[in-house]
Amino acid sequence: MIKMKQKLDLDIRDPNYTLLREIFKIIDSKETSEILASIGFKKLDKQEF
């Protein structure tokens, strides 16, 4: 079975794009970083994949 990936519409009027942008703002916030650090997560920009 072949799964098709849905293309992300980068139109700023698209509600999915708006929601994704807000999620990224929250994830990137200092408060979120402090919460994640308090439960043992390190900064993602310092992680090696």
PDB file of N, CA and C in Angstrom:
ATOM      1  N   MET A   1       0.838  -1.176   0.000  1.00  0.00           N
ATOM      2  CA  MET A   1       0.000   0.000   0.000  1.00  0.00           C
ATOM      3  C   MET A   1       0.888   1.246   0.000  1.00  0.00           C
ATOM      4  N   ILE A   2       0.577   2.184  -0.841  1.00  0.00           N
ATOM      5  CA  ILE A   2       1.340   3.430  -0.949  1.00  0.00           C
ATOM      6  C   ILE A   2       0.595   4.528  -0.200  1.00  0.00           C
ATOM      7  N   LYS A   3       1.315   5.192   0.681  1.00  0.00           N
ATOM      8  CA  LYS A   3       0.726   6.312   1.414  1.00  0.00           C
ATOM      9  C   LYS A   3       1.142   7.603   0.732  1.00  0.00           C
ATOM     10  N   MET A   4       0.181   8.474   0.515  1.00  0.00           N
ATOM     11  CA  MET A   4       0.481   9.766  -0.096  1.00  0.00           C
ATOM     12  C   MET A   4       0.638  10.799   1.009  1.00  0.00           C
ATOM     13  N   LYS A   5       1.659  11.598   0.905  1.00  0.00           N
ATOM     14  CA  LYS A   5       1.879  12.667   1.876  1.00  0.00           C
ATOM     15  C   LYS A   5       1.117  13.907   1.434  1.00  0.00           C
ATOM     16  N   GLN A   6       0.451  14.526   2.389  1.00  0.00           N
ATOM     17  CA  GLN A   6      -0.296  15.731   2.080  1.00  0.00           C
ATOM     18  C   GLN A   6       0.659  16.913   2.038  1.00  0.00           C
ATOM     19  N   LYS A   7       0.549  17.712   1.020  1.00  0.00           N
ATOM     20  CA  LYS A   7       1.387  18.893   0.869  1.00  0.00           C
ATOM     21  C   LYS A   7       0.909  19.994   1.821  1.00  0.00           C
ATOM     22  N   LEU A   8       1.856  20.663   2.476  1.00  0.00           N
ATOM     23  CA  LEU A   8       1.521  21.772   3.368  1.00  0.00           C
ATOM     24  C   LEU A   8       1.343  23.032   2.534  1.00  0.00           C
ATOM     25  N   ASP A   9       0.181  23.612   2.617  1.00  0.00           N
ATOM     26  CA  ASP A   9      -0.122  24.844   1.900  1.00  0.00           C
ATOM     27  C   ASP A   9       0.444  25.998   2.723  1.00  0.00           C
ATOM     28  N   LEU A  10       1.384  26.714   2.172  1.00  0.00           N
ATOM     29  CA  LEU A  10       2.043  27.788   2.915  1.00  0.00           C
ATOM     30  C   LEU A  10       1.362  29.144   2.744  1.00  0.00           C
ATOM     31  N   ASP A  11       0.098  29.116   2.401  1.00  0.00           N
ATOM     32  CA  ASP A  11      -0.680  30.342   2.299  1.00  0.00           C
ATOM     33  C   ASP A  11      -1.027  30.800   3.717  1.00  0.00           C
ATOM     34  N   ILE A  12      -0.671  32.028   4.057  1.00  0.00           N
ATOM     35  CA  ILE A  12      -0.878  32.505   5.425  1.00  0.00           C
ATOM     36  C   ILE A  12      -2.352  32.575   5.802  1.00  0.00           C
ATOM     37  N   ARG A  13      -3.250  32.503   4.837  1.00  0.00           N
ATOM     38  CA  ARG A  13      -4.681  32.494   5.137  1.00  0.00           C
ATOM     39  C   ARG A  13      -5.187  31.090   5.451  1.00  0.00           C
ATOM     40  N   ASP A  14      -4.360  30.078   5.214  1.00  0.00           N
ATOM     41  CA  ASP A  14      -4.750  28.697   5.496  1.00  0.00           C
ATOM     42  C   ASP A  14      -4.775  28.491   7.011  1.00  0.00           C
ATOM     43  N   PRO A  15      -5.893  28.045   7.574  1.00  0.00           N
ATOM     44  CA  PRO A  15      -5.977  27.876   9.031  1.00  0.00           C
ATOM     45  C   PRO A  15      -4.971  26.867   9.578  1.00  0.00           C
ATOM     46  N   ASN A  16      -4.629  25.843   8.805  1.00  0.00           N
ATOM     47  CA  ASN A  16      -3.634  24.869   9.269  1.00  0.00           C
ATOM     48  C   ASN A  16      -2.262  25.516   9.397  1.00  0.00           C
ATOM     49  N   TYR A  17      -1.929  26.392   8.464  1.00  0.00           N
ATOM     50  CA  TYR A  17      -0.652  27.104   8.519  1.00  0.00           C
ATOM     51  C   TYR A  17      -0.627  28.033   9.731  1.00  0.00           C
ATOM     52  N   THR A  18      -1.729  28.718   9.973  1.00  0.00           N
ATOM     53  CA  THR A  18      -1.821  29.623  11.117  1.00  0.00           C
ATOM     54  C   THR A  18      -1.644  28.854  12.417  1.00  0.00           C
ATOM     55  N   LEU A  19      -2.301  27.711  12.531  1.00  0.00           N
ATOM     56  CA  LEU A  19      -2.177  26.876  13.729  1.00  0.00           C
ATOM     57  C   LEU A  19      -0.747  26.393  13.906  1.00  0.00           C
ATOM     58  N   LEU A  20      -0.123  25.923  12.838  1.00  0.00           N
ATOM     59  CA  LEU A  20       1.258  25.457  12.908  1.00  0.00           C
ATOM     60  C   LEU A  20       2.199  26.575  13.339  1.00  0.00           C
ATOM     61  N   ARG A  21       1.988  27.768  12.821  1.00  0.00           N
ATOM     62  CA  ARG A  21       2.822  28.919  13.192  1.00  0.00           C
ATOM     63  C   ARG A  21       2.696  29.211  14.689  1.00  0.00           C
ATOM     64  N   GLU A  22       1.478  29.139  15.216  1.00  0.00           N
ATOM     65  CA  GLU A  22       1.266  29.388  16.648  1.00  0.00           C
ATOM     66  C   GLU A  22       1.919  28.296  17.500  1.00  0.00           C
ATOM     67  N   ILE A  23       1.838  27.054  17.057  1.00  0.00           N
ATOM     68  CA  ILE A  23       2.478  25.951  17.779  1.00  0.00           C
ATOM     69  C   ILE A  23       3.983  26.157  17.828  1.00  0.00           C
ATOM     70  N   PHE A  24       4.583  26.555  16.699  1.00  0.00           N
ATOM     71  CA  PHE A  24       6.032  26.805  16.682  1.00  0.00           C
ATOM     72  C   PHE A  24       6.414  27.955  17.600  1.00  0.00           C
ATOM     73  N   LYS A  25       5.577  28.985  17.685  1.00  0.00           N
ATOM     74  CA  LYS A  25       5.856  30.099  18.603  1.00  0.00           C
ATOM     75  C   LYS A  25       5.883  29.606  20.050  1.00  0.00           C
ATOM     76  N   ILE A  26       4.922  28.751  20.395  1.00  0.00           N
ATOM     77  CA  ILE A  26       4.849  28.226  21.760  1.00  0.00           C
ATOM     78  C   ILE A  26       6.055  27.348  22.063  1.00  0.00           C
ATOM     79  N   ILE A  27       6.401  26.466  21.134  1.00  0.00           N
ATOM     80  CA  ILE A  27       7.531  25.561  21.329  1.00  0.00           C
ATOM     81  C   ILE A  27       8.832  26.342  21.476  1.00  0.00           C
ATOM     82  N   ASP A  28       8.946  27.440  20.753  1.00  0.00           N
ATOM     83  CA  ASP A  28      10.179  28.225  20.747  1.00  0.00           C
ATOM     84  C   ASP A  28      10.262  29.213  21.914  1.00  0.00           C
ATOM     85  N   SER A  29       9.226  29.305  22.736  1.00  0.00           N
ATOM     86  CA  SER A  29       9.224  30.293  23.803  1.00  0.00           C
ATOM     87  C   SER A  29      10.160  29.900  24.952  1.00  0.00           C
ATOM     88  N   LYS A  30      10.606  30.909  25.688  1.00  0.00           N
ATOM     89  CA  LYS A  30      11.498  30.686  26.824  1.00  0.00           C
ATOM     90  C   LYS A  30      10.795  29.884  27.914  1.00  0.00           C
ATOM     91  N   GLU A  31       9.521  30.182  28.130  1.00  0.00           N
ATOM     92  CA  GLU A  31       8.752  29.483  29.167  1.00  0.00           C
ATOM     93  C   GLU A  31       8.664  27.985  28.861  1.00  0.00           C
ATOM     94  N   THR A  32       8.430  27.643  27.602  1.00  0.00           N
ATOM     95  CA  THR A  32       8.372  26.233  27.218  1.00  0.00           C
ATOM     96  C   THR A  32       9.730  25.567  27.411  1.00  0.00           C
ATOM     97  N   SER A  33      10.803  26.261  27.060  1.00  0.00           N
ATOM     98  CA  SER A  33      12.152  25.718  27.251  1.00  0.00           C
ATOM     99  C   SER A  33      12.423  25.437  28.727  1.00  0.00           C
ATOM    100  N   GLU A  34      11.974  26.351  29.595  1.00  0.00           N
ATOM    101  CA  GLU A  34      12.174  26.163  31.034  1.00  0.00           C
ATOM    102  C   GLU A  34      11.372  24.967  31.553  1.00  0.00           C
ATOM    103  N   ILE A  35      10.156  24.818  31.069  1.00  0.00           N
ATOM    104  CA  ILE A  35       9.330  23.674  31.485  1.00  0.00           C
ATOM    105  C   ILE A  35       9.964  22.366  31.034  1.00  0.00           C
ATOM    106  N   LEU A  36      10.397  22.321  29.776  1.00  0.00           N
ATOM    107  CA  LEU A  36      11.020  21.104  29.254  1.00  0.00           C
ATOM    108  C   LEU A  36      12.325  20.792  29.992  1.00  0.00           C
ATOM    109  N   ALA A  37      13.107  21.819  30.311  1.00  0.00           N
ATOM    110  CA  ALA A  37      14.354  21.609  31.045  1.00  0.00           C
ATOM    111  C   ALA A  37      14.079  21.066  32.444  1.00  0.00           C
ATOM    112  N   SER A  38      12.986  21.508  33.050  1.00  0.00           N
ATOM    113  CA  SER A  38      12.669  21.054  34.406  1.00  0.00           C
ATOM    114  C   SER A  38      12.294  19.570  34.457  1.00  0.00           C
ATOM    115  N   ILE A  39      11.875  19.024  33.318  1.00  0.00           N
ATOM    116  CA  ILE A  39      11.542  17.593  33.294  1.00  0.00           C
ATOM    117  C   ILE A  39      12.608  16.768  32.575  1.00  0.00           C
ATOM    118  N   GLY A  40      13.760  17.390  32.290  1.00  0.00           N
ATOM    119  CA  GLY A  40      14.899  16.629  31.797  1.00  0.00           C
ATOM    120  C   GLY A  40      15.230  16.748  30.327  1.00  0.00           C
ATOM    121  N   PHE A  41      14.476  17.538  29.563  1.00  0.00           N
ATOM    122  CA  PHE A  41      14.808  17.716  28.155  1.00  0.00           C
ATOM    123  C   PHE A  41      15.892  18.767  28.008  1.00  0.00           C
ATOM    124  N   LYS A  42      16.827  18.498  27.116  1.00  0.00           N
ATOM    125  CA  LYS A  42      17.863  19.479  26.819  1.00  0.00           C
ATOM    126  C   LYS A  42      17.418  20.306  25.632  1.00  0.00           C
ATOM    127  N   LYS A  43      18.092  21.411  25.393  1.00  0.00           N
ATOM    128  CA  LYS A  43      17.742  22.271  24.264  1.00  0.00           C
ATOM    129  C   LYS A  43      17.924  21.501  22.959  1.00  0.00           C
ATOM    130  N   LEU A  44      16.945  21.633  22.077  1.00  0.00           N
ATOM    131  CA  LEU A  44      16.978  20.894  20.830  1.00  0.00           C
ATOM    132  C   LEU A  44      18.108  21.352  19.908  1.00  0.00           C
ATOM    133  N   ASP A  45      18.467  22.622  19.971  1.00  0.00           N
ATOM    134  CA  ASP A  45      19.530  23.100  19.087  1.00  0.00           C
ATOM    135  C   ASP A  45      20.899  22.550  19.481  1.00  0.00           C
ATOM    136  N   LYS A  46      20.999  21.950  20.652  1.00  0.00           N
ATOM    137  CA  LYS A  46      22.268  21.362  21.096  1.00  0.00           C
ATOM    138  C   LYS A  46      22.252  19.838  20.990  1.00  0.00           C
ATOM    139  N   GLN A  47      21.147  19.272  20.511  1.00  0.00           N
ATOM    140  CA  GLN A  47      21.026  17.827  20.388  1.00  0.00           C
ATOM    141  C   GLN A  47      21.672  17.361  19.083  1.00  0.00           C
ATOM    142  N   GLU A  48      22.239  16.182  19.136  1.00  0.00           N
ATOM    143  CA  GLU A  48      22.788  15.568  17.933  1.00  0.00           C
ATOM    144  C   GLU A  48      21.846  14.471  17.496  1.00  0.00           C
ATOM    145  N   PHE A  49      21.563  14.434  16.207  1.00  0.00           N
ATOM    146  CA  PHE A  49      20.656  13.426  15.681  1.00  0.00           C
ATOM    147  C   PHE A  49      21.430  12.429  14.862  1.00  0.00           C
TER     148      PHE A  49
END
